[in-house]
Every structure is written in C-alpha cells, then in structure tokens.
Amino acid sequence: MYKILVIGAVNSTVQIINKLVEHNLEIVGVLGHEPKNKEKISGWADLSLVTSLLNINYKGFSKINDKENLNWALDKKPDIIFAVGFSQLMHEQWFSVSNLGCIGFHPTKLPIGRGRAPLAWITLEQSYGSASFFLMGEGADDGPIFTQSIFKVEEEDDATKVEAKIMQHIDLALDQWLPELKKGFWNPVPQCEHLASYYGIRKEEDGLINWNDDVNYINRLIKAASRPHPGAYTYCKDEKLIIWSCRPENDIQFKGVIGRVLLKNKEGNILIQTGKGLLWIEEYTFKDTSSDISINVGDKLGYNIEDEIYKIKKQIKNE
C-alpha cells in the first residue's frame, strides 16, 4: 500500500484528501499552507480541521521550502506526494522526498492553460476546464498526465459554478484513476508541448470594470471575478461597488450614456449602458460603507477621469 503525503491550502485539497480516504489510501501526513492574509487566497481552506476529523497527522507552514517542513516530510517516508492548491514553487529537493514523485493538480485541459489563476481565466474565456493530475517536475504544470476529466464552461457559468464543476470532476478523475494506482499502475502520458499555452497571474485590481468595453466582455469579467474571488468592481457615488452577478439584455431597445443606469426594476436590478450593449447588474454590494446607498436611474458608474483630475487640481490649488 502506498504511503501518501498531501500538501495544499484550498477547497480542492480538501476534496482530494477525502477522496484518497474514500479509496482507502494511507495518508501519512498533511502540510497545510497558513498564510498571513487568508482572505486574499481564493478558496483557502483550513486543512487542520479536515485532518483532525480524519485523525491524520498535520503540520501548518508559511514557506514550504523551510528545512523543518522538508525534514517533517522526510520523517513520514511517503511513496507519493500530492501537492495541490498553493502558489509557492517547491524546491527541487521535494522531488526526492517521496519514492515515486510529486503529483500536481491543475483545473485546465493541459497542456492548454498552464500557469496562474486558471479558475478565473477559464471562466473569463468560457473555455474548457479539467481535473488534471500530473507528475510534477521543474516546469510549470508541464509534467506527464495520469488522468483528466474535462468539462465545458457554459455561458451562464460564473466562477462559483466553475469551481463546483472542478470539484465534481476531481471526483470523476480520481474514481477512475485511484483504483488503477492501488494496483501499481504508474504510466503518466507526456503532454504535447506544441499545444502548450500559459496563463499569467490575476490580482484583485484586474476586476476593475471599464464600461467602455462591450457587454460580452464585461459579462465574462464579472463572472470570472465572482466568488470565491474578490469580485469585479466599479465606483458609484465615491464608493467602491462590488458586482457579483449580471446578465446581458438582448431584447430592450434602449440607448444611453456609457456607464449610466438606464432602468431599475422592482427586484433592485439595474440596467447599464456599456460600450456596446446593455447589462443587467443583479447582485451588488458597496465595499467600504455600512450605510445604505441607493442606486437610481441616471446615476453614473465609474469615474470621468479628466473631471476627477480637474477637481483634485482645483482642490490642491485652493489649499
């Protein structure tokens, strides 16, 4: 029976731990990333909770390559390491800690979409996702693949729904592969390098909405930045407005100034003119205030940059 060590930090790590236990694979220890700013890690999960329930040895870490973490892992004498859901690069020493190697996870249709922020990118592009398990090496998500379970991101899918699909396909992929692993099959298939593509990092500020963009792009941006991410945002009445859900409007014949509220329905949804097309904003919250702020027809979302520069210069001149 293989001895398995798990390293991770997010909801998919928890999913994989539970699936390994379900298939009666021995988990000898879990290293859980415990960052200072947990709220900035999309989908962060406290692995100490799941390991406590399952009676699995646990150690938290800040920096994975600290010597104490390597020594702790070596003491467990693992045959396989599952390293899933944390953004730190592992030192090459980790690849010799286990007898067989480190297995990574990536939620894209590898070799397409290697790299950072895959959940946001595949939602933004409305492309394909996948539960892909591969043998890790020194490159980014480029190792040979053990198993993949592929799905399509649909038009109505936001990041929350895509994350749920990823979880579902983790189960499908592991239910197919883990019985083979238990039998001793270890035959990952090399990726096709000529098909490889990469995603770059996305940050909270990348969710800023430019209302001059067309309705389709803004719609996908809001969906991509939605939970578990910090949310797409704009400004209204000098407050930061977080937008969580939306839908394009294709039937109403209305034209207005870009960024202005054209209609407000009884549910409180607001219709916005974009650079091309109309968009209903369905769920939204103000970030930095606890007071009630009403958004009404005629209000403007976003800033007129030249007007704001004029106000600031005028204020500075009068001080």
Protein backbone atom coordinates (compact mmCIF):
# COMPACT_ATOMS: atom_id res chain seq x y z
CA MET A 1 0.00 0.00 0.00
CA TYR A 2 1.33 3.42 -0.96
CA LYS A 3 2.01 5.99 1.76
CA ILE A 4 0.81 9.43 0.70
CA LEU A 5 1.72 12.92 1.89
CA VAL A 6 -0.58 15.82 0.92
CA ILE A 7 0.47 19.46 0.62
CA GLY A 8 -2.09 22.17 -0.06
CA ALA A 9 -4.26 25.06 1.01
CA VAL A 10 -7.61 25.23 -0.77
CA ASN A 11 -11.00 23.55 -1.19
CA SER A 12 -9.73 21.21 -3.90
CA THR A 13 -7.07 19.96 -1.45
CA VAL A 14 -9.83 19.00 0.98
CA GLN A 15 -11.70 17.26 -1.84
CA ILE A 16 -8.63 15.22 -2.75
CA ILE A 17 -7.90 14.27 0.88
CA ASN A 18 -11.45 12.99 1.27
CA LYS A 19 -11.27 11.05 -1.98
CA LEU A 20 -7.95 9.41 -1.02
CA VAL A 21 -9.50 8.32 2.28
CA GLU A 22 -12.60 7.03 0.48
CA HIS A 23 -10.36 4.81 -1.67
CA ASN A 24 -8.55 3.52 1.45
CA LEU A 25 -5.18 5.03 0.57
CA GLU A 26 -2.94 5.74 3.55
CA ILE A 27 -2.29 9.45 4.18
CA VAL A 28 0.75 9.67 6.45
CA GLY A 29 0.63 13.45 6.83
CA VAL A 30 -0.75 16.75 5.54
CA LEU A 31 1.16 20.02 5.21
CA GLY A 32 -1.26 22.94 5.14
CA HIS A 33 -0.38 26.43 3.96
CA GLU A 34 -1.34 29.00 6.61
CA PRO A 35 -0.83 32.44 5.01
CA LYS A 36 -0.99 35.69 6.97
CA ASN A 37 -3.69 37.13 4.72
CA LYS A 38 -6.02 34.16 4.33
CA GLU A 39 -8.79 36.33 2.90
CA LYS A 40 -6.60 37.08 -0.14
CA ILE A 41 -6.29 33.39 -1.04
CA SER A 42 -9.27 32.40 -3.20
CA GLY A 43 -10.88 29.26 -1.84
CA TRP A 44 -8.45 28.93 1.09
CA ALA A 45 -9.29 26.02 3.41
CA ASP A 46 -8.10 25.24 6.93
CA LEU A 47 -6.68 21.76 6.46
CA SER A 48 -6.18 21.33 10.20
CA LEU A 49 -9.96 20.88 10.52
CA VAL A 50 -10.34 18.05 8.00
CA THR A 51 -7.18 16.28 9.25
CA SER A 52 -8.44 16.48 12.83
CA LEU A 53 -11.72 14.84 11.84
CA LEU A 54 -9.88 12.12 9.91
CA ASN A 55 -7.16 11.65 12.55
CA ILE A 56 -4.36 12.49 10.10
CA ASN A 57 -1.03 13.98 11.21
CA TYR A 58 -0.94 17.69 10.32
CA LYS A 59 1.62 20.49 10.16
CA GLY A 60 0.97 24.07 9.13
CA PHE A 61 3.53 26.07 7.16
CA SER A 62 4.22 29.58 5.93
CA LYS A 63 7.03 28.81 3.47
CA ILE A 64 7.01 25.32 2.02
CA ASN A 65 10.77 25.18 1.40
CA ASP A 66 11.76 25.78 5.03
CA LYS A 67 14.04 22.98 6.23
CA GLU A 68 11.69 22.00 9.06
CA ASN A 69 8.97 21.19 6.51
CA LEU A 70 11.31 19.07 4.41
CA ASN A 71 12.51 17.20 7.49
CA TRP A 72 8.95 16.64 8.67
CA ALA A 73 8.03 15.22 5.27
CA LEU A 74 11.12 13.01 5.13
CA ASP A 75 10.21 11.52 8.50
CA LYS A 76 6.90 10.37 7.03
CA LYS A 77 8.70 8.31 4.36
CA PRO A 78 5.99 8.87 1.71
CA ASP A 79 5.83 6.94 -1.54
CA ILE A 80 3.82 9.70 -3.25
CA ILE A 81 3.22 13.41 -2.59
CA PHE A 82 0.04 15.14 -3.72
CA ALA A 83 0.82 18.89 -3.94
CA VAL A 84 -2.41 20.73 -4.65
CA GLY A 85 -3.59 24.31 -4.33
CA PHE A 86 -0.80 26.61 -3.16
CA SER A 87 1.14 29.09 -5.25
CA GLN A 88 4.66 28.67 -3.86
CA LEU A 89 7.29 27.00 -6.01
CA MET A 90 8.66 23.83 -4.47
CA HIS A 91 12.43 23.40 -4.26
CA GLU A 92 13.83 20.53 -6.30
CA GLN A 93 14.64 18.71 -3.03
CA TRP A 94 10.93 17.94 -2.71
CA PHE A 95 11.05 15.74 -5.79
CA SER A 96 13.32 13.29 -3.98
CA VAL A 97 11.33 13.20 -0.71
CA SER A 98 8.94 10.53 -1.99
CA ASN A 99 9.84 7.27 -3.71
CA LEU A 100 7.72 7.81 -6.82
CA GLY A 101 7.41 11.58 -7.07
CA CYS A 102 5.04 14.53 -6.61
CA ILE A 103 1.60 14.60 -8.18
CA GLY A 104 0.21 18.01 -9.04
CA PHE A 105 -3.29 19.16 -9.93
CA HIS A 106 -4.43 21.79 -12.42
CA PRO A 107 -8.02 22.68 -13.42
CA THR A 108 -7.40 23.22 -17.13
CA LYS A 109 -7.25 20.98 -20.17
CA LEU A 110 -3.47 20.60 -20.02
CA PRO A 111 -1.25 21.37 -21.84
CA ILE A 112 -3.59 24.31 -22.51
CA GLY A 113 -3.74 26.91 -19.74
CA ARG A 114 -0.70 26.15 -17.63
CA GLY A 115 0.18 28.73 -15.01
CA ARG A 116 -1.68 31.06 -12.68
CA ALA A 117 -5.32 31.86 -11.82
CA PRO A 118 -6.81 29.10 -14.01
CA LEU A 119 -10.30 29.28 -12.47
CA ALA A 120 -10.63 32.96 -13.33
CA TRP A 121 -9.14 32.58 -16.80
CA ILE A 122 -11.26 29.65 -17.98
CA THR A 123 -14.38 31.41 -16.66
CA LEU A 124 -13.42 34.66 -18.39
CA GLU A 125 -12.72 32.92 -21.70
CA GLN A 126 -15.66 30.49 -21.37
CA SER A 127 -13.35 27.70 -22.47
CA TYR A 128 -12.69 24.18 -21.14
CA GLY A 129 -11.79 23.15 -17.62
CA SER A 130 -10.47 19.85 -16.35
CA ALA A 131 -9.42 17.92 -13.30
CA SER A 132 -5.88 17.14 -14.49
CA PHE A 133 -3.45 15.16 -12.33
CA PHE A 134 0.17 15.07 -13.49
CA LEU A 135 3.67 14.15 -12.37
CA MET A 136 5.41 17.33 -11.25
CA GLY A 137 8.83 18.41 -12.45
CA GLU A 138 10.77 21.65 -12.57
CA GLY A 139 8.47 23.29 -15.15
CA ALA A 140 5.06 24.86 -14.56
CA ASP A 141 2.28 22.25 -14.92
CA ASP A 142 4.18 20.54 -17.73
CA GLY A 143 4.63 17.01 -16.40
CA PRO A 144 3.14 13.82 -17.87
CA ILE A 145 -0.56 13.32 -17.13
CA PHE A 146 -2.09 10.47 -15.12
CA THR A 147 -5.75 11.34 -15.64
CA GLN A 148 -8.04 14.11 -16.88
CA SER A 149 -11.76 14.71 -16.58
CA ILE A 150 -12.70 17.53 -18.99
CA PHE A 151 -15.75 19.82 -18.97
CA LYS A 152 -17.06 22.85 -20.87
CA VAL A 153 -17.57 26.23 -19.23
CA GLU A 154 -21.10 27.25 -20.23
CA GLU A 155 -22.41 30.75 -20.94
CA GLU A 156 -24.24 31.02 -17.61
CA ASP A 157 -21.29 29.73 -15.55
CA ASP A 158 -19.57 32.09 -13.13
CA ALA A 159 -16.51 31.25 -11.02
CA THR A 160 -18.69 29.70 -8.30
CA LYS A 161 -20.31 27.29 -10.76
CA VAL A 162 -17.00 26.51 -12.47
CA GLU A 163 -15.39 25.75 -9.10
CA ALA A 164 -18.26 23.34 -8.37
CA LYS A 165 -17.64 21.65 -11.72
CA ILE A 166 -13.95 21.32 -10.89
CA MET A 167 -14.84 19.61 -7.60
CA GLN A 168 -17.22 17.27 -9.40
CA HIS A 169 -14.57 16.35 -11.95
CA ILE A 170 -11.91 15.81 -9.27
CA ASP A 171 -14.16 13.03 -8.01
CA LEU A 172 -14.69 11.64 -11.50
CA ALA A 173 -10.98 11.68 -12.32
CA LEU A 174 -9.88 10.11 -9.04
CA ASP A 175 -12.62 7.49 -9.03
CA GLN A 176 -11.31 6.40 -12.43
CA TRP A 177 -7.61 6.56 -11.62
CA LEU A 178 -7.10 5.69 -7.93
CA PRO A 179 -8.17 2.03 -8.30
CA GLU A 180 -5.51 1.69 -11.01
CA LEU A 181 -2.94 3.41 -8.81
CA LYS A 182 -3.68 0.98 -5.98
CA LYS A 183 -2.92 -1.87 -8.38
CA GLY A 184 0.52 -0.39 -9.04
CA PHE A 185 -0.11 1.20 -12.44
CA TRP A 186 2.19 4.21 -12.86
CA ASN A 187 2.15 5.27 -16.50
CA PRO A 188 1.64 9.03 -16.95
CA VAL A 189 1.41 10.24 -20.56
CA PRO A 190 3.68 13.12 -21.71
CA GLN A 191 1.98 16.38 -22.66
CA CYS A 192 2.09 17.69 -26.23
CA GLU A 193 4.44 20.65 -25.97
CA HIS A 194 3.40 22.18 -29.28
CA LEU A 195 -0.12 22.67 -27.83
CA ALA A 196 1.08 24.32 -24.62
CA SER A 197 -0.26 27.73 -23.55
CA TYR A 198 0.07 29.71 -20.34
CA TYR A 199 -1.98 31.97 -18.07
CA GLY A 200 -0.48 34.84 -16.10
CA ILE A 201 -1.32 35.90 -12.57
CA ARG A 202 -4.56 37.81 -11.91
CA LYS A 203 -4.97 40.17 -8.97
CA GLU A 204 -7.88 41.92 -7.29
CA GLU A 205 -7.35 45.11 -9.31
CA ASP A 206 -7.81 43.14 -12.53
CA GLY A 207 -11.51 43.04 -11.72
CA LEU A 208 -11.92 46.77 -12.43
CA ILE A 209 -14.72 47.27 -14.96
CA ASN A 210 -14.24 49.60 -17.92
CA TRP A 211 -17.77 50.43 -19.01
CA ASN A 212 -16.47 51.34 -22.48
CA ASP A 213 -15.86 47.62 -23.08
CA ASP A 214 -18.57 45.64 -24.82
CA VAL A 215 -21.28 43.86 -22.87
CA ASN A 216 -19.96 40.36 -23.57
CA TYR A 217 -16.52 41.06 -22.12
CA ILE A 218 -17.91 42.84 -19.03
CA ASN A 219 -20.33 39.95 -18.50
CA ARG A 220 -17.49 37.40 -18.57
CA LEU A 221 -15.26 39.59 -16.37
CA ILE A 222 -17.94 39.83 -13.67
CA LYS A 223 -18.48 36.08 -13.83
CA ALA A 224 -14.73 35.37 -13.68
CA ALA A 225 -14.16 37.69 -10.71
CA SER A 226 -17.14 36.39 -8.73
CA ARG A 227 -16.89 34.20 -5.62
CA PRO A 228 -14.55 32.69 -4.49
CA HIS A 229 -12.67 35.67 -6.00
CA PRO A 230 -12.91 39.24 -4.63
CA GLY A 231 -15.46 40.38 -7.21
CA ALA A 232 -15.46 42.70 -10.21
CA TYR A 233 -15.86 46.33 -9.23
CA THR A 234 -16.60 49.88 -10.27
CA TYR A 235 -17.26 53.13 -8.40
CA CYS A 236 -20.55 54.83 -7.61
CA LYS A 237 -21.08 57.97 -5.51
CA ASP A 238 -17.42 57.85 -4.47
CA GLU A 239 -17.77 54.35 -3.04
CA LYS A 240 -16.35 51.08 -4.34
CA LEU A 241 -19.16 48.95 -5.75
CA ILE A 242 -18.60 45.18 -5.93
CA ILE A 243 -20.64 43.41 -8.61
CA TRP A 244 -21.27 39.69 -8.12
CA SER A 245 -23.73 38.71 -10.83
CA CYS A 246 -25.12 40.03 -14.08
CA ARG A 247 -26.81 39.12 -17.36
CA PRO A 248 -26.83 40.72 -20.81
CA GLU A 249 -30.05 42.32 -22.05
CA ASN A 250 -30.85 41.45 -25.66
CA ASP A 251 -34.48 42.49 -26.09
CA ILE A 252 -34.98 46.00 -24.71
CA GLN A 253 -34.37 48.73 -27.29
CA PHE A 254 -32.65 51.37 -25.17
CA LYS A 255 -29.63 53.56 -25.68
CA GLY A 256 -27.91 55.75 -23.13
CA VAL A 257 -24.65 57.26 -21.96
CA ILE A 258 -21.97 54.66 -21.26
CA GLY A 259 -21.90 53.73 -17.59
CA ARG A 260 -25.26 55.29 -16.70
CA VAL A 261 -28.15 53.49 -15.03
CA LEU A 262 -30.99 53.33 -17.57
CA LEU A 263 -33.59 51.29 -15.67
CA LYS A 264 -34.16 49.84 -12.21
CA ASN A 265 -36.67 47.02 -11.75
CA LYS A 266 -38.69 46.02 -8.68
CA GLU A 267 -36.04 43.48 -7.65
CA GLY A 268 -33.46 46.26 -7.48
CA ASN A 269 -31.57 45.13 -10.57
CA ILE A 270 -30.09 47.98 -12.60
CA LEU A 271 -29.63 48.20 -16.36
CA ILE A 272 -26.33 49.72 -17.50
CA GLN A 273 -25.24 51.01 -20.90
CA THR A 274 -21.87 49.54 -21.88
CA GLY A 275 -19.65 50.48 -24.82
CA LYS A 276 -21.72 48.07 -26.88
CA GLY A 277 -24.86 46.51 -25.46
CA LEU A 278 -26.88 46.57 -22.24
CA LEU A 279 -26.14 44.71 -19.00
CA TRP A 280 -28.35 43.96 -16.01
CA ILE A 281 -26.47 44.12 -12.70
CA GLU A 282 -28.25 41.69 -10.37
CA GLU A 283 -26.24 41.33 -7.16
CA TYR A 284 -24.04 44.14 -5.92
CA THR A 285 -22.67 45.48 -2.63
CA PHE A 286 -20.78 48.55 -1.52
CA LYS A 287 -17.40 47.61 -0.08
CA ASP A 288 -16.32 50.38 2.25
CA THR A 289 -19.50 51.60 3.88
CA SER A 290 -22.13 50.16 6.19
CA SER A 291 -24.70 52.82 5.34
CA ASP A 292 -27.46 52.24 2.82
CA ILE A 293 -26.72 53.82 -0.56
CA SER A 294 -29.40 53.76 -3.19
CA ILE A 295 -28.50 53.50 -6.87
CA ASN A 296 -31.10 55.15 -9.07
CA VAL A 297 -31.85 55.77 -12.73
CA GLY A 298 -29.46 58.41 -14.05
CA ASP A 299 -26.61 57.57 -11.66
CA LYS A 300 -23.21 57.04 -13.28
CA LEU A 301 -20.90 54.11 -12.60
CA GLY A 302 -17.16 54.66 -12.84
CA TYR A 303 -15.28 57.95 -12.99
CA ASN A 304 -14.81 60.59 -15.67
CA ILE A 305 -11.04 60.76 -15.33
CA GLU A 306 -10.50 64.29 -16.67
CA ASP A 307 -13.24 65.69 -14.44
CA GLU A 308 -11.70 64.00 -11.40
CA ILE A 309 -8.24 65.33 -12.25
CA TYR A 310 -9.74 68.82 -12.57
CA LYS A 311 -11.41 68.54 -9.14
CA ILE A 312 -8.19 67.34 -7.50
CA LYS A 313 -6.09 70.12 -9.08
CA LYS A 314 -8.69 72.70 -8.12
CA GLN A 315 -8.67 71.44 -4.54
CA ILE A 316 -4.87 71.49 -4.37
CA LYS A 317 -4.77 75.00 -5.83
CA ASN A 318 -7.22 76.28 -3.20
CA GLU A 319 -5.34 74.77 -0.23
